[in-house]
């Protein structure tokens, strides 16, 4: 009976190289430290971090250009102070309109 079951299994499934390769690929794919799921998660995290880096580099460029304008032009500095910090001259009245 057991011999009959072994005869029904195709020869390529009984091949020791095929079995070894299957066990090896299964081990690497699911049980290793660097398994497939972990690699996909790391790639996704890397992509997110690269997008964040690009965003912050763009923000740094924008802020640096604003800072250069503020340092070089007194009118821009005055406008910035009035808009951002609600500063005013002594002889002016400040009205804040909520939208």
PDB file of N, CA and C in Angstrom:
ATOM      1  N   UNK A   1       0.820  -1.187   0.000  1.00  0.00           N
ATOM      2  CA  UNK A   1       0.000   0.000   0.000  1.00  0.00           C
ATOM      3  C   UNK A   1       0.868   1.256   0.000  1.00  0.00           C
ATOM      4  N   UNK A   2       1.855   1.338   0.914  1.00  0.00           N
ATOM      5  CA  UNK A   2       2.731   2.510   0.969  1.00  0.00           C
ATOM      6  C   UNK A   2       3.593   2.596  -0.275  1.00  0.00           C
ATOM      7  N   UNK A   3       4.003   1.469  -0.790  1.00  0.00           N
ATOM      8  CA  UNK A   3       4.807   1.437  -2.002  1.00  0.00           C
ATOM      9  C   UNK A   3       3.997   1.948  -3.187  1.00  0.00           C
ATOM     10  N   UNK A   4       2.719   1.639  -3.201  1.00  0.00           N
ATOM     11  CA  UNK A   4       1.835   2.080  -4.263  1.00  0.00           C
ATOM     12  C   UNK A   4       1.700   3.609  -4.245  1.00  0.00           C
ATOM     13  N   UNK A   5       1.639   4.222  -3.062  1.00  0.00           N
ATOM     14  CA  UNK A   5       1.559   5.678  -2.942  1.00  0.00           C
ATOM     15  C   UNK A   5       2.839   6.342  -3.441  1.00  0.00           C
ATOM     16  N   UNK A   6       3.982   5.748  -3.146  1.00  0.00           N
ATOM     17  CA  UNK A   6       5.246   6.320  -3.598  1.00  0.00           C
ATOM     18  C   UNK A   6       5.387   6.233  -5.112  1.00  0.00           C
ATOM     19  N   UNK A   7       4.817   5.238  -5.711  1.00  0.00           N
ATOM     20  CA  UNK A   7       4.879   5.102  -7.170  1.00  0.00           C
ATOM     21  C   UNK A   7       3.993   6.117  -7.877  1.00  0.00           C
ATOM     22  N   UNK A   8       2.974   6.607  -7.195  1.00  0.00           N
ATOM     23  CA  UNK A   8       2.063   7.579  -7.784  1.00  0.00           C
ATOM     24  C   UNK A   8       2.636   8.996  -7.770  1.00  0.00           C
ATOM     25  N   UNK A   9       3.652   9.276  -6.948  1.00  0.00           N
ATOM     26  CA  UNK A   9       4.278  10.603  -6.874  1.00  0.00           C
ATOM     27  C   UNK A   9       5.166  10.789  -8.100  1.00  0.00           C
ATOM     28  N   UNK A  10       5.021  11.903  -8.800  1.00  0.00           N
ATOM     29  CA  UNK A  10       5.874  12.144  -9.982  1.00  0.00           C
ATOM     30  C   UNK A  10       7.349  12.177  -9.588  1.00  0.00           C
ATOM     31  N   UNK A  11       8.197  11.813 -10.512  1.00  0.00           N
ATOM     32  CA  UNK A  11       9.632  11.710 -10.211  1.00  0.00           C
ATOM     33  C   UNK A  11      10.259  13.071  -9.911  1.00  0.00           C
ATOM     34  N   UNK A  12       9.768  14.137 -10.516  1.00  0.00           N
ATOM     35  CA  UNK A  12      10.364  15.450 -10.263  1.00  0.00           C
ATOM     36  C   UNK A  12      10.083  15.916  -8.838  1.00  0.00           C
ATOM     37  N   UNK A  13       9.015  15.419  -8.196  1.00  0.00           N
ATOM     38  CA  UNK A  13       8.754  15.743  -6.794  1.00  0.00           C
ATOM     39  C   UNK A  13       9.647  14.944  -5.847  1.00  0.00           C
ATOM     40  N   UNK A  14      10.173  13.819  -6.310  1.00  0.00           N
ATOM     41  CA  UNK A  14      11.068  13.004  -5.485  1.00  0.00           C
ATOM     42  C   UNK A  14      12.529  13.397  -5.665  1.00  0.00           C
ATOM     43  N   UNK A  15      12.807  14.323  -6.567  1.00  0.00           N
ATOM     44  CA  UNK A  15      14.171  14.757  -6.845  1.00  0.00           C
ATOM     45  C   UNK A  15      14.718  15.535  -5.638  1.00  0.00           C
ATOM     46  N   UNK A  16      15.886  15.134  -5.141  1.00  0.00           N
ATOM     47  CA  UNK A  16      16.448  15.767  -3.948  1.00  0.00           C
ATOM     48  C   UNK A  16      16.846  17.221  -4.199  1.00  0.00           C
ATOM     49  N   UNK A  17      17.237  17.567  -5.406  1.00  0.00           N
ATOM     50  CA  UNK A  17      17.613  18.949  -5.719  1.00  0.00           C
ATOM     51  C   UNK A  17      16.377  19.857  -5.734  1.00  0.00           C
ATOM     52  N   UNK A  18      15.298  19.340  -6.276  1.00  0.00           N
ATOM     53  CA  UNK A  18      14.047  20.095  -6.274  1.00  0.00           C
ATOM     54  C   UNK A  18      13.549  20.320  -4.851  1.00  0.00           C
ATOM     55  N   UNK A  19      13.603  19.263  -4.042  1.00  0.00           N
ATOM     56  CA  UNK A  19      13.160  19.376  -2.647  1.00  0.00           C
ATOM     57  C   UNK A  19      14.038  20.360  -1.877  1.00  0.00           C
ATOM     58  N   UNK A  20      15.346  20.289  -2.082  1.00  0.00           N
ATOM     59  CA  UNK A  20      16.261  21.199  -1.396  1.00  0.00           C
ATOM     60  C   UNK A  20      16.005  22.640  -1.818  1.00  0.00           C
ATOM     61  N   UNK A  21      15.837  22.870  -3.105  1.00  0.00           N
ATOM     62  CA  UNK A  21      15.573  24.221  -3.598  1.00  0.00           C
ATOM     63  C   UNK A  21      14.246  24.749  -3.059  1.00  0.00           C
ATOM     64  N   UNK A  22      13.247  23.910  -2.985  1.00  0.00           N
ATOM     65  CA  UNK A  22      11.940  24.315  -2.464  1.00  0.00           C
ATOM     66  C   UNK A  22      12.031  24.701  -0.994  1.00  0.00           C
ATOM     67  N   UNK A  23      12.718  23.896  -0.211  1.00  0.00           N
ATOM     68  CA  UNK A  23      12.893  24.210   1.212  1.00  0.00           C
ATOM     69  C   UNK A  23      13.699  25.507   1.367  1.00  0.00           C
ATOM     70  N   UNK A  24      14.742  25.680   0.570  1.00  0.00           N
ATOM     71  CA  UNK A  24      15.579  26.873   0.640  1.00  0.00           C
ATOM     72  C   UNK A  24      14.785  28.136   0.305  1.00  0.00           C
ATOM     73  N   UNK A  25      14.028  28.100  -0.780  1.00  0.00           N
ATOM     74  CA  UNK A  25      13.228  29.261  -1.191  1.00  0.00           C
ATOM     75  C   UNK A  25      12.143  29.560  -0.156  1.00  0.00           C
ATOM     76  N   UNK A  26      11.528  28.529   0.385  1.00  0.00           N
ATOM     77  CA  UNK A  26      10.512  28.732   1.426  1.00  0.00           C
ATOM     78  C   UNK A  26      11.131  29.363   2.665  1.00  0.00           C
ATOM     79  N   UNK A  27      12.283  28.869   3.055  1.00  0.00           N
ATOM     80  CA  UNK A  27      12.967  29.428   4.227  1.00  0.00           C
ATOM     81  C   UNK A  27      13.301  30.902   4.009  1.00  0.00           C
ATOM     82  N   UNK A  28      13.895  31.231   2.857  1.00  0.00           N
ATOM     83  CA  UNK A  28      14.256  32.618   2.574  1.00  0.00           C
ATOM     84  C   UNK A  28      13.022  33.505   2.418  1.00  0.00           C
ATOM     85  N   UNK A  29      11.966  32.957   1.871  1.00  0.00           N
ATOM     86  CA  UNK A  29      10.772  33.755   1.612  1.00  0.00           C
ATOM     87  C   UNK A  29       9.959  34.076   2.851  1.00  0.00           C
ATOM     88  N   UNK A  30       9.998  33.211   3.857  1.00  0.00           N
ATOM     89  CA  UNK A  30       9.086  33.405   4.983  1.00  0.00           C
ATOM     90  C   UNK A  30       9.719  33.375   6.364  1.00  0.00           C
ATOM     91  N   UNK A  31      10.831  32.680   6.554  1.00  0.00           N
ATOM     92  CA  UNK A  31      11.336  32.474   7.906  1.00  0.00           C
ATOM     93  C   UNK A  31      12.646  33.191   8.211  1.00  0.00           C
ATOM     94  N   UNK A  32      13.331  33.717   7.247  1.00  0.00           N
ATOM     95  CA  UNK A  32      14.630  34.353   7.451  1.00  0.00           C
ATOM     96  C   UNK A  32      14.450  35.770   7.994  1.00  0.00           C
ATOM     97  N   UNK A  33      15.538  36.354   8.533  1.00  0.00           N
ATOM     98  CA  UNK A  33      15.497  37.737   9.030  1.00  0.00           C
ATOM     99  C   UNK A  33      15.129  38.709   7.919  1.00  0.00           C
ATOM    100  N   UNK A  34      15.588  38.412   6.741  1.00  0.00           N
ATOM    101  CA  UNK A  34      15.364  39.282   5.590  1.00  0.00           C
ATOM    102  C   UNK A  34      14.344  38.647   4.647  1.00  0.00           C
ATOM    103  N   UNK A  35      13.238  38.224   5.221  1.00  0.00           N
ATOM    104  CA  UNK A  35      12.229  37.566   4.410  1.00  0.00           C
ATOM    105  C   UNK A  35      11.533  38.545   3.474  1.00  0.00           C
ATOM    106  N   UNK A  36      10.713  38.023   2.624  1.00  0.00           N
ATOM    107  CA  UNK A  36      10.067  38.807   1.578  1.00  0.00           C
ATOM    108  C   UNK A  36       9.188  39.917   2.156  1.00  0.00           C
ATOM    109  N   UNK A  37       8.424  39.626   3.171  1.00  0.00           N
ATOM    110  CA  UNK A  37       7.520  40.605   3.770  1.00  0.00           C
ATOM    111  C   UNK A  37       8.315  41.748   4.403  1.00  0.00           C
ATOM    112  N   UNK A  38       9.385  41.423   5.102  1.00  0.00           N
ATOM    113  CA  UNK A  38      10.217  42.463   5.720  1.00  0.00           C
ATOM    114  C   UNK A  38      10.870  43.335   4.655  1.00  0.00           C
ATOM    115  N   UNK A  39      11.326  42.736   3.571  1.00  0.00           N
ATOM    116  CA  UNK A  39      11.939  43.511   2.494  1.00  0.00           C
ATOM    117  C   UNK A  39      10.932  44.470   1.874  1.00  0.00           C
ATOM    118  N   UNK A  40       9.714  44.007   1.653  1.00  0.00           N
ATOM    119  CA  UNK A  40       8.682  44.890   1.108  1.00  0.00           C
ATOM    120  C   UNK A  40       8.367  46.040   2.061  1.00  0.00           C
ATOM    121  N   UNK A  41       8.317  45.750   3.353  1.00  0.00           N
ATOM    122  CA  UNK A  41       8.051  46.785   4.349  1.00  0.00           C
ATOM    123  C   UNK A  41       9.189  47.807   4.373  1.00  0.00           C
ATOM    124  N   UNK A  42      10.434  47.335   4.300  1.00  0.00           N
ATOM    125  CA  UNK A  42      11.577  48.248   4.287  1.00  0.00           C
ATOM    126  C   UNK A  42      11.587  49.110   3.026  1.00  0.00           C
ATOM    127  N   UNK A  43      11.240  48.531   1.894  1.00  0.00           N
ATOM    128  CA  UNK A  43      11.190  49.311   0.656  1.00  0.00           C
ATOM    129  C   UNK A  43      10.117  50.393   0.728  1.00  0.00           C
ATOM    130  N   UNK A  44       8.964  50.062   1.295  1.00  0.00           N
ATOM    131  CA  UNK A  44       7.887  51.039   1.448  1.00  0.00           C
ATOM    132  C   UNK A  44       8.317  52.167   2.392  1.00  0.00           C
ATOM    133  N   UNK A  45       8.967  51.809   3.485  1.00  0.00           N
ATOM    134  CA  UNK A  45       9.441  52.816   4.444  1.00  0.00           C
ATOM    135  C   UNK A  45      10.512  53.703   3.808  1.00  0.00           C
ATOM    136  N   UNK A  46      11.404  53.108   3.026  1.00  0.00           N
ATOM    137  CA  UNK A  46      12.436  53.877   2.332  1.00  0.00           C
ATOM    138  C   UNK A  46      11.807  54.875   1.369  1.00  0.00           C
ATOM    139  N   UNK A  47      10.804  54.451   0.633  1.00  0.00           N
ATOM    140  CA  UNK A  47      10.131  55.343  -0.304  1.00  0.00           C
ATOM    141  C   UNK A  47       9.470  56.509   0.445  1.00  0.00           C
ATOM    142  N   UNK A  48       8.831  56.208   1.572  1.00  0.00           N
ATOM    143  CA  UNK A  48       8.200  57.255   2.372  1.00  0.00           C
ATOM    144  C   UNK A  48       9.242  58.236   2.907  1.00  0.00           C
ATOM    145  N   UNK A  49      10.364  57.726   3.378  1.00  0.00           N
ATOM    146  CA  UNK A  49      11.416  58.598   3.900  1.00  0.00           C
ATOM    147  C   UNK A  49      12.036  59.461   2.806  1.00  0.00           C
ATOM    148  N   UNK A  50      12.177  58.915   1.609  1.00  0.00           N
ATOM    149  CA  UNK A  50      12.711  59.709   0.501  1.00  0.00           C
ATOM    150  C   UNK A  50      11.744  60.819   0.114  1.00  0.00           C
ATOM    151  N   UNK A  51      10.447  60.535   0.143  1.00  0.00           N
ATOM    152  CA  UNK A  51       9.457  61.573  -0.140  1.00  0.00           C
ATOM    153  C   UNK A  51       9.494  62.658   0.923  1.00  0.00           C
ATOM    154  N   UNK A  52       9.634  62.261   2.188  1.00  0.00           N
ATOM    155  CA  UNK A  52       9.739  63.234   3.275  1.00  0.00           C
ATOM    156  C   UNK A  52      10.988  64.085   3.116  1.00  0.00           C
ATOM    157  N   UNK A  53      12.104  63.442   2.758  1.00  0.00           N
ATOM    158  CA  UNK A  53      13.343  64.179   2.554  1.00  0.00           C
ATOM    159  C   UNK A  53      13.187  65.207   1.446  1.00  0.00           C
ATOM    160  N   UNK A  54      12.565  64.817   0.336  1.00  0.00           N
ATOM    161  CA  UNK A  54      12.357  65.751  -0.771  1.00  0.00           C
ATOM    162  C   UNK A  54      11.476  66.926  -0.343  1.00  0.00           C
ATOM    163  N   UNK A  55      10.428  66.637   0.420  1.00  0.00           N
ATOM    164  CA  UNK A  55       9.544  67.698   0.901  1.00  0.00           C
ATOM    165  C   UNK A  55      10.309  68.672   1.792  1.00  0.00           C
ATOM    166  N   UNK A  56      11.079  68.153   2.728  1.00  0.00           N
ATOM    167  CA  UNK A  56      11.790  69.033   3.656  1.00  0.00           C
ATOM    168  C   UNK A  56      12.920  69.794   2.968  1.00  0.00           C
ATOM    169  N   UNK A  57      13.554  69.204   1.982  1.00  0.00           N
ATOM    170  CA  UNK A  57      14.563  69.944   1.219  1.00  0.00           C
ATOM    171  C   UNK A  57      13.924  71.107   0.463  1.00  0.00           C
ATOM    172  N   UNK A  58      12.736  70.874  -0.080  1.00  0.00           N
ATOM    173  CA  UNK A  58      12.024  71.954  -0.763  1.00  0.00           C
ATOM    174  C   UNK A  58      11.632  73.050   0.229  1.00  0.00           C
ATOM    175  N   UNK A  59      11.181  72.663   1.416  1.00  0.00           N
ATOM    176  CA  UNK A  59      10.833  73.647   2.438  1.00  0.00           C
ATOM    177  C   UNK A  59      12.061  74.441   2.875  1.00  0.00           C
ATOM    178  N   UNK A  60      13.191  73.787   2.988  1.00  0.00           N
ATOM    179  CA  UNK A  60      14.427  74.487   3.358  1.00  0.00           C
ATOM    180  C   UNK A  60      14.799  75.502   2.291  1.00  0.00           C
ATOM    181  N   UNK A  61      14.678  75.126   1.015  1.00  0.00           N
ATOM    182  CA  UNK A  61      14.975  76.065  -0.071  1.00  0.00           C
ATOM    183  C   UNK A  61      14.036  77.273  -0.029  1.00  0.00           C
ATOM    184  N   UNK A  62      12.751  77.010   0.196  1.00  0.00           N
ATOM    185  CA  UNK A  62      11.770  78.093   0.258  1.00  0.00           C
ATOM    186  C   UNK A  62      12.060  79.029   1.434  1.00  0.00           C
ATOM    187  N   UNK A  63      12.313  78.465   2.584  1.00  0.00           N
ATOM    188  CA  UNK A  63      12.590  79.261   3.771  1.00  0.00           C
ATOM    189  C   UNK A  63      13.892  80.049   3.614  1.00  0.00           C
ATOM    190  N   UNK A  64      14.889  79.435   3.011  1.00  0.00           N
ATOM    191  CA  UNK A  64      16.163  80.141   2.787  1.00  0.00           C
ATOM    192  C   UNK A  64      15.981  81.326   1.848  1.00  0.00           C
ATOM    193  N   UNK A  65      15.170  81.153   0.807  1.00  0.00           N
ATOM    194  CA  UNK A  65      14.944  82.272  -0.105  1.00  0.00           C
ATOM    195  C   UNK A  65      14.166  83.388   0.591  1.00  0.00           C
ATOM    196  N   UNK A  66      13.182  83.033   1.437  1.00  0.00           N
ATOM    197  CA  UNK A  66      12.469  84.046   2.215  1.00  0.00           C
ATOM    198  C   UNK A  66      13.411  84.769   3.162  1.00  0.00           C
ATOM    199  N   UNK A  67      14.298  84.045   3.798  1.00  0.00           N
ATOM    200  CA  UNK A  67      15.254  84.645   4.724  1.00  0.00           C
ATOM    201  C   UNK A  67      16.184  85.605   3.994  1.00  0.00           C
ATOM    202  N   UNK A  68      16.640  85.219   2.821  1.00  0.00           N
ATOM    203  CA  UNK A  68      17.497  86.120   2.033  1.00  0.00           C
ATOM    204  C   UNK A  68      16.759  87.400   1.672  1.00  0.00           C
ATOM    205  N   UNK A  69      15.483  87.272   1.287  1.00  0.00           N
ATOM    206  CA  UNK A  69      14.687  88.465   0.978  1.00  0.00           C
ATOM    207  C   UNK A  69      14.518  89.348   2.200  1.00  0.00           C
ATOM    208  N   UNK A  70      14.270  88.733   3.363  1.00  0.00           N
ATOM    209  CA  UNK A  70      14.081  89.508   4.594  1.00  0.00           C
ATOM    210  C   UNK A  70      15.361  90.226   5.002  1.00  0.00           C
ATOM    211  N   UNK A  71      16.489  89.596   4.795  1.00  0.00           N
ATOM    212  CA  UNK A  71      17.763  90.220   5.176  1.00  0.00           C
ATOM    213  C   UNK A  71      18.167  91.343   4.227  1.00  0.00           C
ATOM    214  N   UNK A  72      17.747  91.261   2.976  1.00  0.00           N
ATOM    215  CA  UNK A  72      18.222  92.227   1.992  1.00  0.00           C
ATOM    216  C   UNK A  72      17.265  93.386   1.759  1.00  0.00           C
ATOM    217  N   UNK A  73      15.976  93.222   2.023  1.00  0.00           N
ATOM    218  CA  UNK A  73      15.004  94.266   1.695  1.00  0.00           C
ATOM    219  C   UNK A  73      14.229  94.681   2.944  1.00  0.00           C
ATOM    220  N   UNK A  74      14.416  95.926   3.417  1.00  0.00           N
ATOM    221  CA  UNK A  74      13.692  96.380   4.611  1.00  0.00           C
ATOM    222  C   UNK A  74      12.169  96.436   4.413  1.00  0.00           C
ATOM    223  N   UNK A  75      11.714  96.729   3.199  1.00  0.00           N
ATOM    224  CA  UNK A  75      10.281  96.782   2.950  1.00  0.00           C
ATOM    225  C   UNK A  75       9.664  95.395   3.100  1.00  0.00           C
ATOM    226  N   UNK A  76      10.364  94.378   2.635  1.00  0.00           N
ATOM    227  CA  UNK A  76       9.882  93.001   2.781  1.00  0.00           C
ATOM    228  C   UNK A  76       9.856  92.601   4.249  1.00  0.00           C
ATOM    229  N   UNK A  77      10.860  93.023   5.002  1.00  0.00           N
ATOM    230  CA  UNK A  77      10.905  92.738   6.433  1.00  0.00           C
ATOM    231  C   UNK A  77       9.726  93.386   7.146  1.00  0.00           C
ATOM    232  N   UNK A  78       9.414  94.613   6.784  1.00  0.00           N
ATOM    233  CA  UNK A  78       8.287  95.308   7.402  1.00  0.00           C
ATOM    234  C   UNK A  78       6.969  94.607   7.059  1.00  0.00           C
ATOM    235  N   UNK A  79       6.808  94.235   5.818  1.00  0.00           N
ATOM    236  CA  UNK A  79       5.593  93.533   5.394  1.00  0.00           C
ATOM    237  C   UNK A  79       5.449  92.198   6.129  1.00  0.00           C
ATOM    238  N   UNK A  80       6.539  91.495   6.245  1.00  0.00           N
ATOM    239  CA  UNK A  80       6.537  90.208   6.937  1.00  0.00           C
ATOM    240  C   UNK A  80       6.147  90.392   8.401  1.00  0.00           C
ATOM    241  N   UNK A  81       6.723  91.375   9.060  1.00  0.00           N
ATOM    242  CA  UNK A  81       6.424  91.620  10.474  1.00  0.00           C
ATOM    243  C   UNK A  81       4.967  92.016  10.659  1.00  0.00           C
ATOM    244  N   UNK A  82       4.441  92.802   9.747  1.00  0.00           N
ATOM    245  CA  UNK A  82       3.034  93.216   9.854  1.00  0.00           C
ATOM    246  C   UNK A  82       2.091  92.025   9.649  1.00  0.00           C
ATOM    247  N   UNK A  83       2.379  91.185   8.668  1.00  0.00           N
ATOM    248  CA  UNK A  83       1.483  90.076   8.360  1.00  0.00           C
ATOM    249  C   UNK A  83       1.584  88.925   9.353  1.00  0.00           C
ATOM    250  N   UNK A  84       2.787  88.542   9.694  1.00  0.00           N
ATOM    251  CA  UNK A  84       2.977  87.355  10.537  1.00  0.00           C
ATOM    252  C   UNK A  84       2.827  87.641  12.028  1.00  0.00           C
ATOM    253  N   UNK A  85       3.345  88.769  12.460  1.00  0.00           N
ATOM    254  CA  UNK A  85       3.377  89.054  13.891  1.00  0.00           C
ATOM    255  C   UNK A  85       2.448  90.179  14.301  1.00  0.00           C
ATOM    256  N   UNK A  86       1.659  90.698  13.342  1.00  0.00           N
ATOM    257  CA  UNK A  86       0.675  91.754  13.600  1.00  0.00           C
ATOM    258  C   UNK A  86       1.297  92.969  14.271  1.00  0.00           C
ATOM    259  N   UNK A  87       2.452  93.349  13.810  1.00  0.00           N
ATOM    260  CA  UNK A  87       3.125  94.542  14.339  1.00  0.00           C
ATOM    261  C   UNK A  87       2.574  95.776  13.626  1.00  0.00           C
ATOM    262  N   UNK A  88       2.668  96.898  14.300  1.00  0.00           N
ATOM    263  CA  UNK A  88       2.168  98.135  13.722  1.00  0.00           C
ATOM    264  C   UNK A  88       3.047  99.287  14.147  1.00  0.00           C
ATOM    265  N   UNK A  89       2.891 100.375  13.426  1.00  0.00           N
ATOM    266  CA  UNK A  89       3.595 101.599  13.813  1.00  0.00           C
ATOM    267  C   UNK A  89       2.836 102.249  14.957  1.00  0.00           C
ATOM    268  N   UNK A  90       3.489 103.190  15.654  1.00  0.00           N
ATOM    269  CA  UNK A  90       2.865 103.814  16.821  1.00  0.00           C
ATOM    270  C   UNK A  90       1.600 104.592  16.474  1.00  0.00           C
ATOM    271  N   UNK A  91       1.569 105.187  15.294  1.00  0.00           N
ATOM    272  CA  UNK A  91       0.418 106.018  14.953  1.00  0.00           C
ATOM    273  C   UNK A  91      -0.651 105.278  14.143  1.00  0.00           C
ATOM    274  N   UNK A  92      -0.589 103.958  14.131  1.00  0.00           N
ATOM    275  CA  UNK A  92      -1.552 103.180  13.370  1.00  0.00           C
ATOM    276  C   UNK A  92      -2.461 102.377  14.320  1.00  0.00           C
ATOM    277  N   UNK A  93      -3.646 102.039  13.816  1.00  0.00           N
ATOM    278  CA  UNK A  93      -4.544 101.139  14.528  1.00  0.00           C
ATOM    279  C   UNK A  93      -4.604  99.834  13.768  1.00  0.00           C
ATOM    280  N   UNK A  94      -4.671  98.767  14.489  1.00  0.00           N
ATOM    281  CA  UNK A  94      -4.670  97.433  13.881  1.00  0.00           C
ATOM    282  C   UNK A  94      -6.059  96.820  14.012  1.00  0.00           C
ATOM    283  N   UNK A  95      -6.624  96.419  12.875  1.00  0.00           N
ATOM    284  CA  UNK A  95      -7.932  95.759  12.845  1.00  0.00           C
ATOM    285  C   UNK A  95      -7.736  94.349  12.312  1.00  0.00           C
ATOM    286  N   UNK A  96      -8.170  93.377  13.101  1.00  0.00           N
ATOM    287  CA  UNK A  96      -8.053  91.975  12.680  1.00  0.00           C
ATOM    288  C   UNK A  96      -9.431  91.501  12.258  1.00  0.00           C
ATOM    289  N   UNK A  97      -9.533  91.049  11.012  1.00  0.00           N
ATOM    290  CA  UNK A  97     -10.798  90.567  10.468  1.00  0.00           C
ATOM    291  C   UNK A  97     -10.721  89.056  10.372  1.00  0.00           C
ATOM    292  N   UNK A  98     -11.611  88.391  11.094  1.00  0.00           N
ATOM    293  CA  UNK A  98     -11.638  86.933  11.053  1.00  0.00           C
ATOM    294  C   UNK A  98     -12.475  86.480   9.866  1.00  0.00           C
ATOM    295  N   UNK A  99     -11.992  85.470   9.150  1.00  0.00           N
ATOM    296  CA  UNK A  99     -12.720  84.985   7.969  1.00  0.00           C
ATOM    297  C   UNK A  99     -13.515  83.748   8.287  1.00  0.00           C
TER     298      UNK A  99
END
